[in-house]
Structures are given as C-alpha cells and as structure tokens.
Amino acid sequence: MIHLNWDKTKPIKQVKCVHTDAKKYVVENALTKGNVYEVKNETEEFYFVVDNKGRVSGFYKDYFEEVTG
C-alpha cells in the first residue's frame, strides 16, 4: 500500500519526456514532450511520475531521459 503515499513523498529524481509516441496506449493526454517530471518511484521498466493531471502514474522508461545537474 506504499503507492497510496507516493504523492506526498519527495521525488527521487527528475526526468524529461522525450516523446509520447505510444504504440498501444494514449500517452499524450498525460505527458508533454519536453516537460520535466518528478519521479516518485522507479522499477526496472517504469518511472512513476506526477503527470499533467497531477496524479502519480507509471510510464515506460523509454519515454524519458534523466535530467542531470
């Protein structure tokens, strides 16, 4: 049930959306290319970020690149 508190936790890092070209899902409604998002949790395949709707949602890592500095 840790996912219920992700919106209140500090972000672990920031990532920049590099594309929203999804083959199977509608991603452009939740992400904007070029925007920087806060990562609340991470798995091997997914980043869980605060999306454009203000919710914590999981997206494949290939939509993002890590922001450094």
PDB file of N, CA and C in Angstrom:
ATOM      1  N   MET A   1       0.803  -1.196   0.000  1.00  0.00           N
ATOM      2  CA  MET A   1       0.000   0.000   0.000  1.00  0.00           C
ATOM      3  C   MET A   1       0.851   1.267   0.000  1.00  0.00           C
ATOM      4  N   ILE A   2       2.163   1.115  -0.204  1.00  0.00           N
ATOM      5  CA  ILE A   2       3.061   2.267  -0.220  1.00  0.00           C
ATOM      6  C   ILE A   2       2.684   3.255  -1.335  1.00  0.00           C
ATOM      7  N   HIS A   3       2.087   2.764  -2.404  1.00  0.00           N
ATOM      8  CA  HIS A   3       1.722   3.625  -3.528  1.00  0.00           C
ATOM      9  C   HIS A   3       0.680   4.680  -3.151  1.00  0.00           C
ATOM     10  N   LEU A   4      -0.025   4.480  -2.079  1.00  0.00           N
ATOM     11  CA  LEU A   4      -1.035   5.456  -1.656  1.00  0.00           C
ATOM     12  C   LEU A   4      -0.401   6.744  -1.134  1.00  0.00           C
ATOM     13  N   ASN A   5       0.872   6.706  -0.758  1.00  0.00           N
ATOM     14  CA  ASN A   5       1.552   7.881  -0.215  1.00  0.00           C
ATOM     15  C   ASN A   5       2.568   8.491  -1.171  1.00  0.00           C
ATOM     16  N   TRP A   6       2.708   7.993  -2.376  1.00  0.00           N
ATOM     17  CA  TRP A   6       3.710   8.499  -3.316  1.00  0.00           C
ATOM     18  C   TRP A   6       3.542   9.976  -3.617  1.00  0.00           C
ATOM     19  N   ASP A   7       2.321  10.460  -3.669  1.00  0.00           N
ATOM     20  CA  ASP A   7       2.110  11.871  -3.986  1.00  0.00           C
ATOM     21  C   ASP A   7       2.631  12.797  -2.890  1.00  0.00           C
ATOM     22  N   LYS A   8       2.851  12.269  -1.676  1.00  0.00           N
ATOM     23  CA  LYS A   8       3.331  13.074  -0.551  1.00  0.00           C
ATOM     24  C   LYS A   8       4.838  12.934  -0.330  1.00  0.00           C
ATOM     25  N   THR A   9       5.501  12.025  -1.022  1.00  0.00           N
ATOM     26  CA  THR A   9       6.929  11.789  -0.814  1.00  0.00           C
ATOM     27  C   THR A   9       7.777  12.734  -1.665  1.00  0.00           C
ATOM     28  N   LYS A  10       9.035  12.884  -1.252  1.00  0.00           N
ATOM     29  CA  LYS A  10       9.982  13.683  -2.028  1.00  0.00           C
ATOM     30  C   LYS A  10      10.335  12.932  -3.309  1.00  0.00           C
ATOM     31  N   PRO A  11      10.543  13.650  -4.401  1.00  0.00           N
ATOM     32  CA  PRO A  11      10.944  12.964  -5.640  1.00  0.00           C
ATOM     33  C   PRO A  11      12.361  12.410  -5.525  1.00  0.00           C
ATOM     34  N   ILE A  12      12.605  11.271  -6.192  1.00  0.00           N
ATOM     35  CA  ILE A  12      13.950  10.691  -6.166  1.00  0.00           C
ATOM     36  C   ILE A  12      14.840  11.324  -7.226  1.00  0.00           C
ATOM     37  N   LYS A  13      14.252  11.766  -8.309  1.00  0.00           N
ATOM     38  CA  LYS A  13      14.994  12.439  -9.373  1.00  0.00           C
ATOM     39  C   LYS A  13      13.999  13.080 -10.322  1.00  0.00           C
ATOM     40  N   GLN A  14      14.538  13.717 -11.344  1.00  0.00           N
ATOM     41  CA  GLN A  14      13.694  14.317 -12.374  1.00  0.00           C
ATOM     42  C   GLN A  14      14.043  13.719 -13.725  1.00  0.00           C
ATOM     43  N   VAL A  15      13.018  13.575 -14.561  1.00  0.00           N
ATOM     44  CA  VAL A  15      13.206  13.063 -15.911  1.00  0.00           C
ATOM     45  C   VAL A  15      12.490  13.983 -16.895  1.00  0.00           C
ATOM     46  N   LYS A  16      13.008  14.032 -18.110  1.00  0.00           N
ATOM     47  CA  LYS A  16      12.421  14.854 -19.172  1.00  0.00           C
ATOM     48  C   LYS A  16      11.752  13.929 -20.177  1.00  0.00           C
ATOM     49  N   CYS A  17      10.539  14.257 -20.562  1.00  0.00           N
ATOM     50  CA  CYS A  17       9.808  13.470 -21.560  1.00  0.00           C
ATOM     51  C   CYS A  17      10.399  13.766 -22.941  1.00  0.00           C
ATOM     52  N   VAL A  18      10.843  12.716 -23.638  1.00  0.00           N
ATOM     53  CA  VAL A  18      11.462  12.905 -24.949  1.00  0.00           C
ATOM     54  C   VAL A  18      10.519  12.570 -26.100  1.00  0.00           C
ATOM     55  N   HIS A  19       9.462  11.812 -25.822  1.00  0.00           N
ATOM     56  CA  HIS A  19       8.449  11.538 -26.846  1.00  0.00           C
ATOM     57  C   HIS A  19       7.185  10.974 -26.199  1.00  0.00           C
ATOM     58  N   THR A  20       6.101  11.030 -26.928  1.00  0.00           N
ATOM     59  CA  THR A  20       4.830  10.454 -26.473  1.00  0.00           C
ATOM     60  C   THR A  20       4.270   9.518 -27.532  1.00  0.00           C
ATOM     61  N   ASP A  21       5.159   8.944 -28.349  1.00  0.00           N
ATOM     62  CA  ASP A  21       4.755   8.046 -29.432  1.00  0.00           C
ATOM     63  C   ASP A  21       4.518   6.640 -28.893  1.00  0.00           C
ATOM     64  N   ALA A  22       3.325   6.404 -28.403  1.00  0.00           N
ATOM     65  CA  ALA A  22       2.986   5.105 -27.831  1.00  0.00           C
ATOM     66  C   ALA A  22       2.305   4.241 -28.886  1.00  0.00           C
ATOM     67  N   LYS A  23       2.685   2.973 -28.938  1.00  0.00           N
ATOM     68  CA  LYS A  23       2.082   2.051 -29.893  1.00  0.00           C
ATOM     69  C   LYS A  23       0.709   1.578 -29.434  1.00  0.00           C
ATOM     70  N   LYS A  24       0.557   1.418 -28.127  1.00  0.00           N
ATOM     71  CA  LYS A  24      -0.635   0.763 -27.613  1.00  0.00           C
ATOM     72  C   LYS A  24      -1.500   1.663 -26.726  1.00  0.00           C
ATOM     73  N   TYR A  25      -0.897   2.647 -26.079  1.00  0.00           N
ATOM     74  CA  TYR A  25      -1.609   3.450 -25.093  1.00  0.00           C
ATOM     75  C   TYR A  25      -1.680   4.907 -25.525  1.00  0.00           C
ATOM     76  N   VAL A  26      -2.584   5.660 -24.907  1.00  0.00           N
ATOM     77  CA  VAL A  26      -2.699   7.091 -25.168  1.00  0.00           C
ATOM     78  C   VAL A  26      -1.873   7.798 -24.095  1.00  0.00           C
ATOM     79  N   VAL A  27      -0.704   8.258 -24.473  1.00  0.00           N
ATOM     80  CA  VAL A  27       0.222   8.869 -23.526  1.00  0.00           C
ATOM     81  C   VAL A  27       0.196  10.390 -23.619  1.00  0.00           C
ATOM     82  N   GLU A  28      -0.106  10.936 -24.785  1.00  0.00           N
ATOM     83  CA  GLU A  28      -0.048  12.383 -24.959  1.00  0.00           C
ATOM     84  C   GLU A  28      -1.073  13.142 -24.109  1.00  0.00           C
ATOM     85  N   ASN A  29      -2.071  12.457 -23.571  1.00  0.00           N
ATOM     86  CA  ASN A  29      -3.018  13.112 -22.660  1.00  0.00           C
ATOM     87  C   ASN A  29      -2.427  13.326 -21.274  1.00  0.00           C
ATOM     88  N   ALA A  30      -1.419  12.530 -20.901  1.00  0.00           N
ATOM     89  CA  ALA A  30      -0.854  12.595 -19.557  1.00  0.00           C
ATOM     90  C   ALA A  30       0.558  13.187 -19.520  1.00  0.00           C
ATOM     91  N   LEU A  31       1.277  13.138 -20.644  1.00  0.00           N
ATOM     92  CA  LEU A  31       2.644  13.652 -20.704  1.00  0.00           C
ATOM     93  C   LEU A  31       2.770  14.650 -21.844  1.00  0.00           C
ATOM     94  N   THR A  32       3.709  15.567 -21.715  1.00  0.00           N
ATOM     95  CA  THR A  32       4.000  16.529 -22.768  1.00  0.00           C
ATOM     96  C   THR A  32       5.481  16.442 -23.099  1.00  0.00           C
ATOM     97  N   LYS A  33       5.779  16.265 -24.382  1.00  0.00           N
ATOM     98  CA  LYS A  33       7.167  16.189 -24.821  1.00  0.00           C
ATOM     99  C   LYS A  33       7.891  17.465 -24.426  1.00  0.00           C
ATOM    100  N   GLY A  34       9.071  17.308 -23.812  1.00  0.00           N
ATOM    101  CA  GLY A  34       9.875  18.446 -23.393  1.00  0.00           C
ATOM    102  C   GLY A  34       9.681  18.849 -21.941  1.00  0.00           C
ATOM    103  N   ASN A  35       8.593  18.415 -21.304  1.00  0.00           N
ATOM    104  CA  ASN A  35       8.357  18.750 -19.895  1.00  0.00           C
ATOM    105  C   ASN A  35       9.217  17.880 -18.984  1.00  0.00           C
ATOM    106  N   VAL A  36       9.550  18.427 -17.830  1.00  0.00           N
ATOM    107  CA  VAL A  36      10.313  17.705 -16.812  1.00  0.00           C
ATOM    108  C   VAL A  36       9.327  17.245 -15.736  1.00  0.00           C
ATOM    109  N   TYR A  37       9.463  15.977 -15.328  1.00  0.00           N
ATOM    110  CA  TYR A  37       8.565  15.369 -14.354  1.00  0.00           C
ATOM    111  C   TYR A  37       9.350  14.837 -13.169  1.00  0.00           C
ATOM    112  N   GLU A  38       8.733  14.876 -11.991  1.00  0.00           N
ATOM    113  CA  GLU A  38       9.341  14.353 -10.770  1.00  0.00           C
ATOM    114  C   GLU A  38       9.060  12.861 -10.660  1.00  0.00           C
ATOM    115  N   VAL A  39      10.104  12.081 -10.422  1.00  0.00           N
ATOM    116  CA  VAL A  39       9.968  10.629 -10.259  1.00  0.00           C
ATOM    117  C   VAL A  39       9.718  10.336  -8.789  1.00  0.00           C
ATOM    118  N   LYS A  40       8.607   9.681  -8.503  1.00  0.00           N
ATOM    119  CA  LYS A  40       8.258   9.318  -7.140  1.00  0.00           C
ATOM    120  C   LYS A  40       8.697   7.898  -6.798  1.00  0.00           C
ATOM    121  N   ASN A  41       8.765   7.024  -7.803  1.00  0.00           N
ATOM    122  CA  ASN A  41       9.227   5.651  -7.618  1.00  0.00           C
ATOM    123  C   ASN A  41       9.705   5.139  -8.968  1.00  0.00           C
ATOM    124  N   GLU A  42      10.484   4.062  -8.925  1.00  0.00           N
ATOM    125  CA  GLU A  42      11.087   3.531 -10.145  1.00  0.00           C
ATOM    126  C   GLU A  42      11.197   2.016 -10.033  1.00  0.00           C
ATOM    127  N   THR A  43      10.933   1.332 -11.148  1.00  0.00           N
ATOM    128  CA  THR A  43      11.174  -0.095 -11.252  1.00  0.00           C
ATOM    129  C   THR A  43      12.097  -0.315 -12.452  1.00  0.00           C
ATOM    130  N   GLU A  44      12.342  -1.553 -12.796  1.00  0.00           N
ATOM    131  CA  GLU A  44      13.199  -1.829 -13.955  1.00  0.00           C
ATOM    132  C   GLU A  44      12.624  -1.261 -15.249  1.00  0.00           C
ATOM    133  N   GLU A  45      11.310  -1.322 -15.398  1.00  0.00           N
ATOM    134  CA  GLU A  45      10.658  -0.905 -16.644  1.00  0.00           C
ATOM    135  C   GLU A  45       9.990   0.463 -16.595  1.00  0.00           C
ATOM    136  N   PHE A  46       9.594   0.904 -15.402  1.00  0.00           N
ATOM    137  CA  PHE A  46       8.722   2.064 -15.293  1.00  0.00           C
ATOM    138  C   PHE A  46       9.281   3.157 -14.396  1.00  0.00           C
ATOM    139  N   TYR A  47       8.893   4.410 -14.737  1.00  0.00           N
ATOM    140  CA  TYR A  47       9.006   5.540 -13.825  1.00  0.00           C
ATOM    141  C   TYR A  47       7.592   5.865 -13.372  1.00  0.00           C
ATOM    142  N   PHE A  48       7.422   6.148 -12.105  1.00  0.00           N
ATOM    143  CA  PHE A  48       6.148   6.605 -11.578  1.00  0.00           C
ATOM    144  C   PHE A  48       6.312   8.101 -11.314  1.00  0.00           C
ATOM    145  N   VAL A  49       5.657   8.906 -12.131  1.00  0.00           N
ATOM    146  CA  VAL A  49       5.839  10.356 -12.117  1.00  0.00           C
ATOM    147  C   VAL A  49       4.512  11.052 -11.849  1.00  0.00           C
ATOM    148  N   VAL A  50       4.609  12.315 -11.443  1.00  0.00           N
ATOM    149  CA  VAL A  50       3.419  13.157 -11.329  1.00  0.00           C
ATOM    150  C   VAL A  50       3.133  13.679 -12.727  1.00  0.00           C
ATOM    151  N   ASP A  51       2.044  13.206 -13.329  1.00  0.00           N
ATOM    152  CA  ASP A  51       1.740  13.536 -14.725  1.00  0.00           C
ATOM    153  C   ASP A  51       1.020  14.879 -14.845  1.00  0.00           C
ATOM    154  N   ASN A  52       0.592  15.220 -16.066  1.00  0.00           N
ATOM    155  CA  ASN A  52      -0.072  16.503 -16.333  1.00  0.00           C
ATOM    156  C   ASN A  52      -1.386  16.664 -15.578  1.00  0.00           C
ATOM    157  N   LYS A  53      -1.984  15.566 -15.159  1.00  0.00           N
ATOM    158  CA  LYS A  53      -3.252  15.627 -14.424  1.00  0.00           C
ATOM    159  C   LYS A  53      -3.035  15.760 -12.920  1.00  0.00           C
ATOM    160  N   GLY A  54      -1.753  15.755 -12.482  1.00  0.00           N
ATOM    161  CA  GLY A  54      -1.447  15.883 -11.069  1.00  0.00           C
ATOM    162  C   GLY A  54      -1.486  14.574 -10.307  1.00  0.00           C
ATOM    163  N   ARG A  55      -1.581  13.470 -11.019  1.00  0.00           N
ATOM    164  CA  ARG A  55      -1.621  12.140 -10.400  1.00  0.00           C
ATOM    165  C   ARG A  55      -0.299  11.428 -10.591  1.00  0.00           C
ATOM    166  N   VAL A  56       0.004  10.507  -9.691  1.00  0.00           N
ATOM    167  CA  VAL A  56       1.183   9.669  -9.859  1.00  0.00           C
ATOM    168  C   VAL A  56       0.784   8.512 -10.767  1.00  0.00           C
ATOM    169  N   SER A  57       1.463   8.405 -11.913  1.00  0.00           N
ATOM    170  CA  SER A  57       1.155   7.369 -12.898  1.00  0.00           C
ATOM    171  C   SER A  57       2.449   6.728 -13.359  1.00  0.00           C
ATOM    172  N   GLY A  58       2.359   5.468 -13.785  1.00  0.00           N
ATOM    173  CA  GLY A  58       3.532   4.740 -14.254  1.00  0.00           C
ATOM    174  C   GLY A  58       3.627   4.772 -15.770  1.00  0.00           C
ATOM    175  N   PHE A  59       4.847   5.025 -16.273  1.00  0.00           N
ATOM    176  CA  PHE A  59       5.107   5.077 -17.704  1.00  0.00           C
ATOM    177  C   PHE A  59       6.408   4.345 -17.994  1.00  0.00           C
ATOM    178  N   TYR A  60       6.483   3.735 -19.172  1.00  0.00           N
ATOM    179  CA  TYR A  60       7.724   3.081 -19.583  1.00  0.00           C
ATOM    180  C   TYR A  60       8.863   4.090 -19.588  1.00  0.00           C
ATOM    181  N   LYS A  61      10.045   3.614 -19.226  1.00  0.00           N
ATOM    182  CA  LYS A  61      11.211   4.484 -19.140  1.00  0.00           C
ATOM    183  C   LYS A  61      11.646   5.041 -20.487  1.00  0.00           C
ATOM    184  N   ASP A  62      11.256   4.386 -21.582  1.00  0.00           N
ATOM    185  CA  ASP A  62      11.712   4.859 -22.894  1.00  0.00           C
ATOM    186  C   ASP A  62      11.066   6.180 -23.323  1.00  0.00           C
ATOM    187  N   TYR A  63      10.086   6.676 -22.573  1.00  0.00           N
ATOM    188  CA  TYR A  63       9.505   7.998 -22.849  1.00  0.00           C
ATOM    189  C   TYR A  63      10.352   9.125 -22.274  1.00  0.00           C
ATOM    190  N   PHE A  64      11.377   8.797 -21.472  1.00  0.00           N
ATOM    191  CA  PHE A  64      12.099   9.800 -20.696  1.00  0.00           C
ATOM    192  C   PHE A  64      13.611   9.691 -20.851  1.00  0.00           C
ATOM    193  N   GLU A  65      14.273  10.781 -20.479  1.00  0.00           N
ATOM    194  CA  GLU A  65      15.720  10.782 -20.252  1.00  0.00           C
ATOM    195  C   GLU A  65      15.943  11.485 -18.913  1.00  0.00           C
ATOM    196  N   GLU A  66      16.949  11.049 -18.187  1.00  0.00           N
ATOM    197  CA  GLU A  66      17.221  11.630 -16.881  1.00  0.00           C
ATOM    198  C   GLU A  66      17.772  13.039 -17.012  1.00  0.00           C
ATOM    199  N   VAL A  67      17.337  13.914 -16.111  1.00  0.00           N
ATOM    200  CA  VAL A  67      17.813  15.283 -16.056  1.00  0.00           C
ATOM    201  C   VAL A  67      18.995  15.301 -15.086  1.00  0.00           C
ATOM    202  N   THR A  68      20.109  15.828 -15.541  1.00  0.00           N
ATOM    203  CA  THR A  68      21.290  15.910 -14.684  1.00  0.00           C
ATOM    204  C   THR A  68      21.589  17.362 -14.365  1.00  0.00           C
ATOM    205  N   GLY A  69      22.088  17.563 -13.171  1.00  0.00           N
ATOM    206  CA  GLY A  69      22.528  18.901 -12.770  1.00  0.00           C
ATOM    207  C   GLY A  69      21.517  19.749 -12.228  1.00  0.00           C
TER     208      GLY A  69
END
